[in-house]
Amino acid sequence: MRHNVSPFRKTLLYIFLFIGVIVSVFPFYWMFVGATNPSGEIFNVPPNFLPGDYGWENFKNLNENVGIVRVLGNSLFITLTFTVLSAIVCTAAGYAFAKFQFKG
């Protein structure tokens, strides 16, 4: 069955979807802008919405001072391990719910 949607409602839907995308993506863009600007520049009024010239220097400092590659590697290892374990346990539970007759 096909529903005819008025052009006004379709346009309104696309406007709401566009606003939703902007609201979802903007925090990631703002993190990138903050990471490429010198410290404290992100608090300027009015804010600068363009990435800074400081570039990759902040990421180099982050890796030297914190060891971000090791930290991200640990996070990736833990995430993958528990995802695989969760998939195994949930598969076994799903099989049990599908094949066995429980009382009640």
PDB file of N, CA and C in Angstrom:
ATOM      1  N   MET A   1       0.838  -1.160   0.000  1.00  0.00           N
ATOM      2  CA  MET A   1       0.000   0.000   0.000  1.00  0.00           C
ATOM      3  C   MET A   1       0.895   1.238   0.000  1.00  0.00           C
ATOM      4  N   ARG A   2       0.591   2.174  -0.839  1.00  0.00           N
ATOM      5  CA  ARG A   2       1.402   3.373  -0.997  1.00  0.00           C
ATOM      6  C   ARG A   2       0.644   4.574  -0.447  1.00  0.00           C
ATOM      7  N   HIS A   3       1.335   5.336   0.396  1.00  0.00           N
ATOM      8  CA  HIS A   3       0.738   6.536   0.972  1.00  0.00           C
ATOM      9  C   HIS A   3       1.285   7.752   0.241  1.00  0.00           C
ATOM     10  N   ASN A   4       0.407   8.618  -0.148  1.00  0.00           N
ATOM     11  CA  ASN A   4       0.838   9.865  -0.769  1.00  0.00           C
ATOM     12  C   ASN A   4       1.096  10.886   0.327  1.00  0.00           C
ATOM     13  N   VAL A   5       2.327  11.375   0.362  1.00  0.00           N
ATOM     14  CA  VAL A   5       2.715  12.366   1.353  1.00  0.00           C
ATOM     15  C   VAL A   5       2.791  13.708   0.651  1.00  0.00           C
ATOM     16  N   SER A   6       2.213  14.704   1.283  1.00  0.00           N
ATOM     17  CA  SER A   6       2.208  16.032   0.665  1.00  0.00           C
ATOM     18  C   SER A   6       3.629  16.580   0.608  1.00  0.00           C
ATOM     19  N   PRO A   7       3.930  17.406  -0.389  1.00  0.00           N
ATOM     20  CA  PRO A   7       5.270  17.991  -0.493  1.00  0.00           C
ATOM     21  C   PRO A   7       5.647  18.810   0.741  1.00  0.00           C
ATOM     22  N   PHE A   8       4.673  19.458   1.368  1.00  0.00           N
ATOM     23  CA  PHE A   8       4.958  20.241   2.570  1.00  0.00           C
ATOM     24  C   PHE A   8       5.444  19.343   3.703  1.00  0.00           C
ATOM     25  N   ARG A   9       4.757  18.220   3.918  1.00  0.00           N
ATOM     26  CA  ARG A   9       5.160  17.302   4.989  1.00  0.00           C
ATOM     27  C   ARG A   9       6.508  16.669   4.689  1.00  0.00           C
ATOM     28  N   LYS A  10       6.756  16.366   3.426  1.00  0.00           N
ATOM     29  CA  LYS A  10       8.039  15.780   3.045  1.00  0.00           C
ATOM     30  C   LYS A  10       9.171  16.777   3.276  1.00  0.00           C
ATOM     31  N   THR A  11       8.943  18.041   2.908  1.00  0.00           N
ATOM     32  CA  THR A  11       9.944  19.085   3.133  1.00  0.00           C
ATOM     33  C   THR A  11      10.180  19.282   4.623  1.00  0.00           C
ATOM     34  N   LEU A  12       9.119  19.291   5.401  1.00  0.00           N
ATOM     35  CA  LEU A  12       9.235  19.438   6.847  1.00  0.00           C
ATOM     36  C   LEU A  12      10.026  18.281   7.452  1.00  0.00           C
ATOM     37  N   LEU A  13       9.785  17.076   6.966  1.00  0.00           N
ATOM     38  CA  LEU A  13      10.527  15.911   7.434  1.00  0.00           C
ATOM     39  C   LEU A  13      12.012  16.061   7.137  1.00  0.00           C
ATOM     40  N   TYR A  14      12.358  16.487   5.919  1.00  0.00           N
ATOM     41  CA  TYR A  14      13.761  16.664   5.560  1.00  0.00           C
ATOM     42  C   TYR A  14      14.420  17.759   6.384  1.00  0.00           C
ATOM     43  N   ILE A  15      13.679  18.801   6.716  1.00  0.00           N
ATOM     44  CA  ILE A  15      14.239  19.866   7.556  1.00  0.00           C
ATOM     45  C   ILE A  15      14.557  19.317   8.950  1.00  0.00           C
ATOM     46  N   PHE A  16      13.638  18.550   9.523  1.00  0.00           N
ATOM     47  CA  PHE A  16      13.885  17.961  10.840  1.00  0.00           C
ATOM     48  C   PHE A  16      15.041  16.967  10.797  1.00  0.00           C
ATOM     49  N   LEU A  17      15.135  16.180   9.743  1.00  0.00           N
ATOM     50  CA  LEU A  17      16.252  15.244   9.608  1.00  0.00           C
ATOM     51  C   LEU A  17      17.577  15.982   9.489  1.00  0.00           C
ATOM     52  N   PHE A  18      17.603  17.070   8.730  1.00  0.00           N
ATOM     53  CA  PHE A  18      18.820  17.864   8.579  1.00  0.00           C
ATOM     54  C   PHE A  18      19.239  18.459   9.923  1.00  0.00           C
ATOM     55  N   ILE A  19      18.289  18.980  10.673  1.00  0.00           N
ATOM     56  CA  ILE A  19      18.599  19.530  11.997  1.00  0.00           C
ATOM     57  C   ILE A  19      19.128  18.427  12.914  1.00  0.00           C
ATOM     58  N   GLY A  20      18.547  17.242  12.837  1.00  0.00           N
ATOM     59  CA  GLY A  20      19.027  16.121  13.638  1.00  0.00           C
ATOM     60  C   GLY A  20      20.452  15.725  13.293  1.00  0.00           C
ATOM     61  N   VAL A  21      20.776  15.736  12.012  1.00  0.00           N
ATOM     62  CA  VAL A  21      22.143  15.409  11.590  1.00  0.00           C
ATOM     63  C   VAL A  21      23.120  16.456  12.109  1.00  0.00           C
ATOM     64  N   ILE A  22      22.763  17.726  11.999  1.00  0.00           N
ATOM     65  CA  ILE A  22      23.640  18.796  12.485  1.00  0.00           C
ATOM     66  C   ILE A  22      23.854  18.662  13.992  1.00  0.00           C
ATOM     67  N   VAL A  23      22.787  18.415  14.735  1.00  0.00           N
ATOM     68  CA  VAL A  23      22.898  18.270  16.190  1.00  0.00           C
ATOM     69  C   VAL A  23      23.761  17.059  16.544  1.00  0.00           C
ATOM     70  N   SER A  24      23.718  16.007  15.753  1.00  0.00           N
ATOM     71  CA  SER A  24      24.500  14.807  16.027  1.00  0.00           C
ATOM     72  C   SER A  24      25.964  14.949  15.643  1.00  0.00           C
ATOM     73  N   VAL A  25      26.254  15.635  14.557  1.00  0.00           N
ATOM     74  CA  VAL A  25      27.616  15.705  14.030  1.00  0.00           C
ATOM     75  C   VAL A  25      28.410  16.866  14.627  1.00  0.00           C
ATOM     76  N   PHE A  26      27.737  17.942  15.009  1.00  0.00           N
ATOM     77  CA  PHE A  26      28.443  19.136  15.468  1.00  0.00           C
ATOM     78  C   PHE A  26      29.378  18.886  16.655  1.00  0.00           C
ATOM     79  N   PRO A  27      29.006  18.091  17.669  1.00  0.00           N
ATOM     80  CA  PRO A  27      29.958  17.861  18.768  1.00  0.00           C
ATOM     81  C   PRO A  27      31.275  17.241  18.315  1.00  0.00           C
ATOM     82  N   PHE A  28      31.246  16.354  17.336  1.00  0.00           N
ATOM     83  CA  PHE A  28      32.486  15.765  16.832  1.00  0.00           C
ATOM     84  C   PHE A  28      33.322  16.810  16.098  1.00  0.00           C
ATOM     85  N   TYR A  29      32.664  17.643  15.323  1.00  0.00           N
ATOM     86  CA  TYR A  29      33.366  18.720  14.632  1.00  0.00           C
ATOM     87  C   TYR A  29      33.971  19.690  15.647  1.00  0.00           C
ATOM     88  N   TRP A  30      33.237  20.015  16.697  1.00  0.00           N
ATOM     89  CA  TRP A  30      33.724  20.949  17.705  1.00  0.00           C
ATOM     90  C   TRP A  30      34.925  20.356  18.456  1.00  0.00           C
ATOM     91  N   MET A  31      34.933  19.044  18.693  1.00  0.00           N
ATOM     92  CA  MET A  31      36.099  18.406  19.309  1.00  0.00           C
ATOM     93  C   MET A  31      37.312  18.527  18.402  1.00  0.00           C
ATOM     94  N   PHE A  32      37.115  18.344  17.101  1.00  0.00           N
ATOM     95  CA  PHE A  32      38.225  18.470  16.161  1.00  0.00           C
ATOM     96  C   PHE A  32      38.751  19.900  16.135  1.00  0.00           C
ATOM     97  N   VAL A  33      37.843  20.879  16.126  1.00  0.00           N
ATOM     98  CA  VAL A  33      38.259  22.286  16.138  1.00  0.00           C
ATOM     99  C   VAL A  33      39.027  22.584  17.418  1.00  0.00           C
ATOM    100  N   GLY A  34      38.539  22.108  18.548  1.00  0.00           N
ATOM    101  CA  GLY A  34      39.228  22.333  19.813  1.00  0.00           C
ATOM    102  C   GLY A  34      40.585  21.667  19.870  1.00  0.00           C
ATOM    103  N   ALA A  35      40.712  20.517  19.223  1.00  0.00           N
ATOM    104  CA  ALA A  35      41.985  19.798  19.244  1.00  0.00           C
ATOM    105  C   ALA A  35      43.028  20.446  18.351  1.00  0.00           C
ATOM    106  N   THR A  36      42.596  21.188  17.345  1.00  0.00           N
ATOM    107  CA  THR A  36      43.563  21.791  16.426  1.00  0.00           C
ATOM    108  C   THR A  36      43.856  23.249  16.749  1.00  0.00           C
ATOM    109  N   ASN A  37      43.239  23.785  17.792  1.00  0.00           N
ATOM    110  CA  ASN A  37      43.506  25.161  18.209  1.00  0.00           C
ATOM    111  C   ASN A  37      44.384  25.165  19.450  1.00  0.00           C
ATOM    112  N   PRO A  38      45.141  26.242  19.662  1.00  0.00           N
ATOM    113  CA  PRO A  38      45.941  26.336  20.888  1.00  0.00           C
ATOM    114  C   PRO A  38      45.054  26.324  22.132  1.00  0.00           C
ATOM    115  N   SER A  39      45.642  25.961  23.248  1.00  0.00           N
ATOM    116  CA  SER A  39      44.900  25.851  24.499  1.00  0.00           C
ATOM    117  C   SER A  39      44.224  27.172  24.858  1.00  0.00           C
ATOM    118  N   GLY A  40      42.971  27.108  25.228  1.00  0.00           N
ATOM    119  CA  GLY A  40      42.224  28.281  25.650  1.00  0.00           C
ATOM    120  C   GLY A  40      41.555  29.056  24.540  1.00  0.00           C
ATOM    121  N   GLU A  41      41.961  28.848  23.293  1.00  0.00           N
ATOM    122  CA  GLU A  41      41.374  29.607  22.186  1.00  0.00           C
ATOM    123  C   GLU A  41      39.929  29.203  21.917  1.00  0.00           C
ATOM    124  N   ILE A  42      39.559  28.030  22.350  1.00  0.00           N
ATOM    125  CA  ILE A  42      38.196  27.566  22.109  1.00  0.00           C
ATOM    126  C   ILE A  42      37.177  28.344  22.939  1.00  0.00           C
ATOM    127  N   PHE A  43      37.661  29.031  23.987  1.00  0.00           N
ATOM    128  CA  PHE A  43      36.764  29.796  24.855  1.00  0.00           C
ATOM    129  C   PHE A  43      36.611  31.243  24.414  1.00  0.00           C
ATOM    130  N   ASN A  44      37.209  31.631  23.283  1.00  0.00           N
ATOM    131  CA  ASN A  44      37.083  32.999  22.788  1.00  0.00           C
ATOM    132  C   ASN A  44      35.633  33.322  22.460  1.00  0.00           C
ATOM    133  N   VAL A  45      35.290  34.590  22.640  1.00  0.00           N
ATOM    134  CA  VAL A  45      33.957  35.063  22.264  1.00  0.00           C
ATOM    135  C   VAL A  45      34.146  36.126  21.210  1.00  0.00           C
ATOM    136  N   PRO A  46      33.593  36.000  20.045  1.00  0.00           N
ATOM    137  CA  PRO A  46      32.826  34.875  19.517  1.00  0.00           C
ATOM    138  C   PRO A  46      33.748  33.709  19.165  1.00  0.00           C
ATOM    139  N   PRO A  47      33.221  32.496  19.210  1.00  0.00           N
ATOM    140  CA  PRO A  47      34.069  31.331  18.933  1.00  0.00           C
ATOM    141  C   PRO A  47      34.480  31.262  17.468  1.00  0.00           C
ATOM    142  N   ASN A  48      35.633  30.666  17.249  1.00  0.00           N
ATOM    143  CA  ASN A  48      36.125  30.426  15.897  1.00  0.00           C
ATOM    144  C   ASN A  48      35.717  29.004  15.511  1.00  0.00           C
ATOM    145  N   PHE A  49      34.887  28.878  14.485  1.00  0.00           N
ATOM    146  CA  PHE A  49      34.374  27.563  14.093  1.00  0.00           C
ATOM    147  C   PHE A  49      35.268  26.859  13.077  1.00  0.00           C
ATOM    148  N   LEU A  50      36.399  27.450  12.738  1.00  0.00           N
ATOM    149  CA  LEU A  50      37.311  26.837  11.773  1.00  0.00           C
ATOM    150  C   LEU A  50      38.466  26.168  12.501  1.00  0.00           C
ATOM    151  N   PRO A  51      38.958  25.045  11.979  1.00  0.00           N
ATOM    152  CA  PRO A  51      40.113  24.402  12.605  1.00  0.00           C
ATOM    153  C   PRO A  51      41.311  25.338  12.609  1.00  0.00           C
ATOM    154  N   GLY A  52      42.133  25.209  13.641  1.00  0.00           N
ATOM    155  CA  GLY A  52      43.279  26.092  13.796  1.00  0.00           C
ATOM    156  C   GLY A  52      44.485  25.647  13.000  1.00  0.00           C
ATOM    157  N   ASP A  53      45.506  26.485  13.040  1.00  0.00           N
ATOM    158  CA  ASP A  53      46.762  26.190  12.350  1.00  0.00           C
ATOM    159  C   ASP A  53      47.691  25.339  13.205  1.00  0.00           C
ATOM    160  N   TYR A  54      47.332  25.145  14.452  1.00  0.00           N
ATOM    161  CA  TYR A  54      48.181  24.391  15.367  1.00  0.00           C
ATOM    162  C   TYR A  54      48.328  22.950  14.897  1.00  0.00           C
ATOM    163  N   GLY A  55      47.309  22.465  14.236  1.00  0.00           N
ATOM    164  CA  GLY A  55      47.361  21.179  13.546  1.00  0.00           C
ATOM    165  C   GLY A  55      47.650  19.986  14.419  1.00  0.00           C
ATOM    166  N   TRP A  56      48.589  19.176  13.971  1.00  0.00           N
ATOM    167  CA  TRP A  56      48.855  17.892  14.602  1.00  0.00           C
ATOM    168  C   TRP A  56      49.777  18.008  15.804  1.00  0.00           C
ATOM    169  N   GLU A  57      50.233  19.193  16.124  1.00  0.00           N
ATOM    170  CA  GLU A  57      51.127  19.371  17.272  1.00  0.00           C
ATOM    171  C   GLU A  57      50.447  18.928  18.573  1.00  0.00           C
ATOM    172  N   ASN A  58      49.163  19.232  18.715  1.00  0.00           N
ATOM    173  CA  ASN A  58      48.435  18.810  19.918  1.00  0.00           C
ATOM    174  C   ASN A  58      48.364  17.290  20.014  1.00  0.00           C
ATOM    175  N   PHE A  59      48.169  16.617  18.888  1.00  0.00           N
ATOM    176  CA  PHE A  59      48.096  15.159  18.904  1.00  0.00           C
ATOM    177  C   PHE A  59      49.463  14.551  19.206  1.00  0.00           C
ATOM    178  N   LYS A  60      50.518  15.184  18.719  1.00  0.00           N
ATOM    179  CA  LYS A  60      51.876  14.730  19.023  1.00  0.00           C
ATOM    180  C   LYS A  60      52.144  14.870  20.520  1.00  0.00           C
ATOM    181  N   ASN A  61      51.760  16.017  21.091  1.00  0.00           N
ATOM    182  CA  ASN A  61      51.930  16.216  22.532  1.00  0.00           C
ATOM    183  C   ASN A  61      51.105  15.215  23.334  1.00  0.00           C
ATOM    184  N   LEU A  62      49.906  14.927  22.893  1.00  0.00           N
ATOM    185  CA  LEU A  62      49.053  13.960  23.576  1.00  0.00           C
ATOM    186  C   LEU A  62      49.701  12.584  23.590  1.00  0.00           C
ATOM    187  N   ASN A  63      50.269  12.172  22.478  1.00  0.00           N
ATOM    188  CA  ASN A  63      50.908  10.861  22.414  1.00  0.00           C
ATOM    189  C   ASN A  63      52.163  10.816  23.277  1.00  0.00           C
ATOM    190  N   GLU A  64      52.934  11.907  23.299  1.00  0.00           N
ATOM    191  CA  GLU A  64      54.163  11.920  24.092  1.00  0.00           C
ATOM    192  C   GLU A  64      53.868  11.966  25.586  1.00  0.00           C
ATOM    193  N   ASN A  65      52.870  12.714  25.995  1.00  0.00           N
ATOM    194  CA  ASN A  65      52.602  12.904  27.422  1.00  0.00           C
ATOM    195  C   ASN A  65      51.699  11.835  28.019  1.00  0.00           C
ATOM    196  N   VAL A  66      50.762  11.325  27.257  1.00  0.00           N
ATOM    197  CA  VAL A  66      49.786  10.381  27.794  1.00  0.00           C
ATOM    198  C   VAL A  66      50.010   8.971  27.262  1.00  0.00           C
ATOM    199  N   GLY A  67      50.571   8.830  26.090  1.00  0.00           N
ATOM    200  CA  GLY A  67      50.688   7.521  25.461  1.00  0.00           C
ATOM    201  C   GLY A  67      49.340   7.065  24.936  1.00  0.00           C
ATOM    202  N   ILE A  68      48.718   7.922  24.154  1.00  0.00           N
ATOM    203  CA  ILE A  68      47.343   7.695  23.710  1.00  0.00           C
ATOM    204  C   ILE A  68      47.203   6.435  22.854  1.00  0.00           C
ATOM    205  N   VAL A  69      48.247   6.064  22.131  1.00  0.00           N
ATOM    206  CA  VAL A  69      48.168   4.863  21.287  1.00  0.00           C
ATOM    207  C   VAL A  69      47.996   3.623  22.160  1.00  0.00           C
ATOM    208  N   ARG A  70      48.735   3.558  23.264  1.00  0.00           N
ATOM    209  CA  ARG A  70      48.612   2.422  24.186  1.00  0.00           C
ATOM    210  C   ARG A  70      47.234   2.404  24.839  1.00  0.00           C
ATOM    211  N   VAL A  71      46.760   3.571  25.251  1.00  0.00           N
ATOM    212  CA  VAL A  71      45.446   3.667  25.894  1.00  0.00           C
ATOM    213  C   VAL A  71      44.341   3.239  24.929  1.00  0.00           C
ATOM    214  N   LEU A  72      44.392   3.711  23.692  1.00  0.00           N
ATOM    215  CA  LEU A  72      43.391   3.319  22.699  1.00  0.00           C
ATOM    216  C   LEU A  72      43.488   1.831  22.367  1.00  0.00           C
ATOM    217  N   GLY A  73      44.707   1.296  22.341  1.00  0.00           N
ATOM    218  CA  GLY A  73      44.883  -0.138  22.107  1.00  0.00           C
ATOM    219  C   GLY A  73      44.258  -0.972  23.215  1.00  0.00           C
ATOM    220  N   ASN A  74      44.457  -0.542  24.468  1.00  0.00           N
ATOM    221  CA  ASN A  74      43.830  -1.244  25.592  1.00  0.00           C
ATOM    222  C   ASN A  74      42.310  -1.190  25.493  1.00  0.00           C
ATOM    223  N   SER A  75      41.775  -0.038  25.159  1.00  0.00           N
ATOM    224  CA  SER A  75      40.324   0.109  25.028  1.00  0.00           C
ATOM    225  C   SER A  75      39.787  -0.774  23.909  1.00  0.00           C
ATOM    226  N   LEU A  76      40.497  -0.818  22.788  1.00  0.00           N
ATOM    227  CA  LEU A  76      40.076  -1.653  21.669  1.00  0.00           C
ATOM    228  C   LEU A  76      40.097  -3.130  22.053  1.00  0.00           C
ATOM    229  N   PHE A  77      41.136  -3.557  22.765  1.00  0.00           N
ATOM    230  CA  PHE A  77      41.234  -4.950  23.197  1.00  0.00           C
ATOM    231  C   PHE A  77      40.070  -5.325  24.110  1.00  0.00           C
ATOM    232  N   ILE A  78      39.788  -4.493  25.099  1.00  0.00           N
ATOM    233  CA  ILE A  78      38.697  -4.780  26.034  1.00  0.00           C
ATOM    234  C   ILE A  78      37.358  -4.791  25.311  1.00  0.00           C
ATOM    235  N   THR A  79      37.155  -3.826  24.417  1.00  0.00           N
ATOM    236  CA  THR A  79      35.895  -3.752  23.680  1.00  0.00           C
ATOM    237  C   THR A  79      35.679  -4.991  22.823  1.00  0.00           C
ATOM    238  N   LEU A  80      36.692  -5.390  22.067  1.00  0.00           N
ATOM    239  CA  LEU A  80      36.555  -6.562  21.201  1.00  0.00           C
ATOM    240  C   LEU A  80      36.365  -7.842  22.012  1.00  0.00           C
ATOM    241  N   THR A  81      37.094  -7.969  23.120  1.00  0.00           N
ATOM    242  CA  THR A  81      36.975  -9.162  23.955  1.00  0.00           C
ATOM    243  C   THR A  81      35.561  -9.316  24.497  1.00  0.00           C
ATOM    244  N   PHE A  82      35.020  -8.247  25.068  1.00  0.00           N
ATOM    245  CA  PHE A  82      33.683  -8.356  25.651  1.00  0.00           C
ATOM    246  C   PHE A  82      32.591  -8.428  24.588  1.00  0.00           C
ATOM    247  N   THR A  83      32.827  -7.891  23.413  1.00  0.00           N
ATOM    248  CA  THR A  83      31.854  -8.032  22.334  1.00  0.00           C
ATOM    249  C   THR A  83      31.771  -9.486  21.879  1.00  0.00           C
ATOM    250  N   VAL A  84      32.910 -10.128  21.715  1.00  0.00           N
ATOM    251  CA  VAL A  84      32.927 -11.534  21.303  1.00  0.00           C
ATOM    252  C   VAL A  84      32.312 -12.415  22.389  1.00  0.00           C
ATOM    253  N   LEU A  85      32.686 -12.175  23.653  1.00  0.00           N
ATOM    254  CA  LEU A  85      32.110 -12.964  24.743  1.00  0.00           C
ATOM    255  C   LEU A  85      30.598 -12.758  24.843  1.00  0.00           C
ATOM    256  N   SER A  86      30.150 -11.545  24.669  1.00  0.00           N
ATOM    257  CA  SER A  86      28.716 -11.259  24.708  1.00  0.00           C
ATOM    258  C   SER A  86      27.987 -11.967  23.572  1.00  0.00           C
ATOM    259  N   ALA A  87      28.574 -11.973  22.386  1.00  0.00           N
ATOM    260  CA  ALA A  87      27.950 -12.656  21.253  1.00  0.00           C
ATOM    261  C   ALA A  87      27.846 -14.156  21.508  1.00  0.00           C
ATOM    262  N   ILE A  88      28.866 -14.744  22.116  1.00  0.00           N
ATOM    263  CA  ILE A  88      28.842 -16.180  22.414  1.00  0.00           C
ATOM    264  C   ILE A  88      27.760 -16.497  23.441  1.00  0.00           C
ATOM    265  N   VAL A  89      27.710 -15.720  24.521  1.00  0.00           N
ATOM    266  CA  VAL A  89      26.719 -15.963  25.574  1.00  0.00           C
ATOM    267  C   VAL A  89      25.307 -15.736  25.050  1.00  0.00           C
ATOM    268  N   CYS A  90      25.102 -14.681  24.282  1.00  0.00           N
ATOM    269  CA  CYS A  90      23.764 -14.390  23.759  1.00  0.00           C
ATOM    270  C   CYS A  90      23.323 -15.426  22.733  1.00  0.00           C
ATOM    271  N   THR A  91      24.255 -15.954  21.956  1.00  0.00           N
ATOM    272  CA  THR A  91      23.918 -17.012  21.006  1.00  0.00           C
ATOM    273  C   THR A  91      23.472 -18.268  21.746  1.00  0.00           C
ATOM    274  N   ALA A  92      24.197 -18.625  22.797  1.00  0.00           N
ATOM    275  CA  ALA A  92      23.812 -19.797  23.591  1.00  0.00           C
ATOM    276  C   ALA A  92      22.457 -19.581  24.263  1.00  0.00           C
ATOM    277  N   ALA A  93      22.226 -18.395  24.794  1.00  0.00           N
ATOM    278  CA  ALA A  93      20.938 -18.110  25.440  1.00  0.00           C
ATOM    279  C   ALA A  93      19.807 -18.131  24.418  1.00  0.00           C
ATOM    280  N   GLY A  94      20.027 -17.588  23.248  1.00  0.00           N
ATOM    281  CA  GLY A  94      19.013 -17.612  22.200  1.00  0.00           C
ATOM    282  C   GLY A  94      18.676 -19.027  21.771  1.00  0.00           C
ATOM    283  N   TYR A  95      19.689 -19.873  21.675  1.00  0.00           N
ATOM    284  CA  TYR A  95      19.453 -21.272  21.334  1.00  0.00           C
ATOM    285  C   TYR A  95      18.614 -21.945  22.416  1.00  0.00           C
ATOM    286  N   ALA A  96      18.950 -21.663  23.671  1.00  0.00           N
ATOM    287  CA  ALA A  96      18.201 -22.265  24.780  1.00  0.00           C
ATOM    288  C   ALA A  96      16.748 -21.816  24.765  1.00  0.00           C
ATOM    289  N   PHE A  97      16.498 -20.545  24.545  1.00  0.00           N
ATOM    290  CA  PHE A  97      15.122 -20.051  24.508  1.00  0.00           C
ATOM    291  C   PHE A  97      14.349 -20.616  23.323  1.00  0.00           C
ATOM    292  N   ALA A  98      15.027 -20.879  22.224  1.00  0.00           N
ATOM    293  CA  ALA A  98      14.339 -21.367  21.029  1.00  0.00           C
ATOM    294  C   ALA A  98      14.045 -22.868  21.090  1.00  0.00           C
ATOM    295  N   LYS A  99      14.921 -23.660  21.693  1.00  0.00           N
ATOM    296  CA  LYS A  99      14.810 -25.112  21.600  1.00  0.00           C
ATOM    297  C   LYS A  99      14.216 -25.793  22.823  1.00  0.00           C
ATOM    298  N   PHE A 100      14.384 -25.215  23.995  1.00  0.00           N
ATOM    299  CA  PHE A 100      13.941 -25.895  25.210  1.00  0.00           C
ATOM    300  C   PHE A 100      12.565 -25.409  25.636  1.00  0.00           C
ATOM    301  N   GLN A 101      11.812 -26.343  26.239  1.00  0.00           N
ATOM    302  CA  GLN A 101      10.499 -26.017  26.786  1.00  0.00           C
ATOM    303  C   GLN A 101      10.658 -25.710  28.277  1.00  0.00           C
ATOM    304  N   PHE A 102      10.314 -24.510  28.665  1.00  0.00           N
ATOM    305  CA  PHE A 102      10.416 -24.107  30.060  1.00  0.00           C
ATOM    306  C   PHE A 102       9.053 -24.205  30.723  1.00  0.00           C
ATOM    307  N   LYS A 103       9.044 -24.462  32.027  1.00  0.00           N
ATOM    308  CA  LYS A 103       7.791 -24.514  32.764  1.00  0.00           C
ATOM    309  C   LYS A 103       7.199 -23.118  32.828  1.00  0.00           C
ATOM    310  N   GLY A 104       5.873 -23.068  32.768  1.00  0.00           N
ATOM    311  CA  GLY A 104       5.214 -21.767  32.939  1.00  0.00           C
ATOM    312  C   GLY A 104       4.630 -21.292  31.737  1.00  0.00           C
TER     313      GLY A 104
END
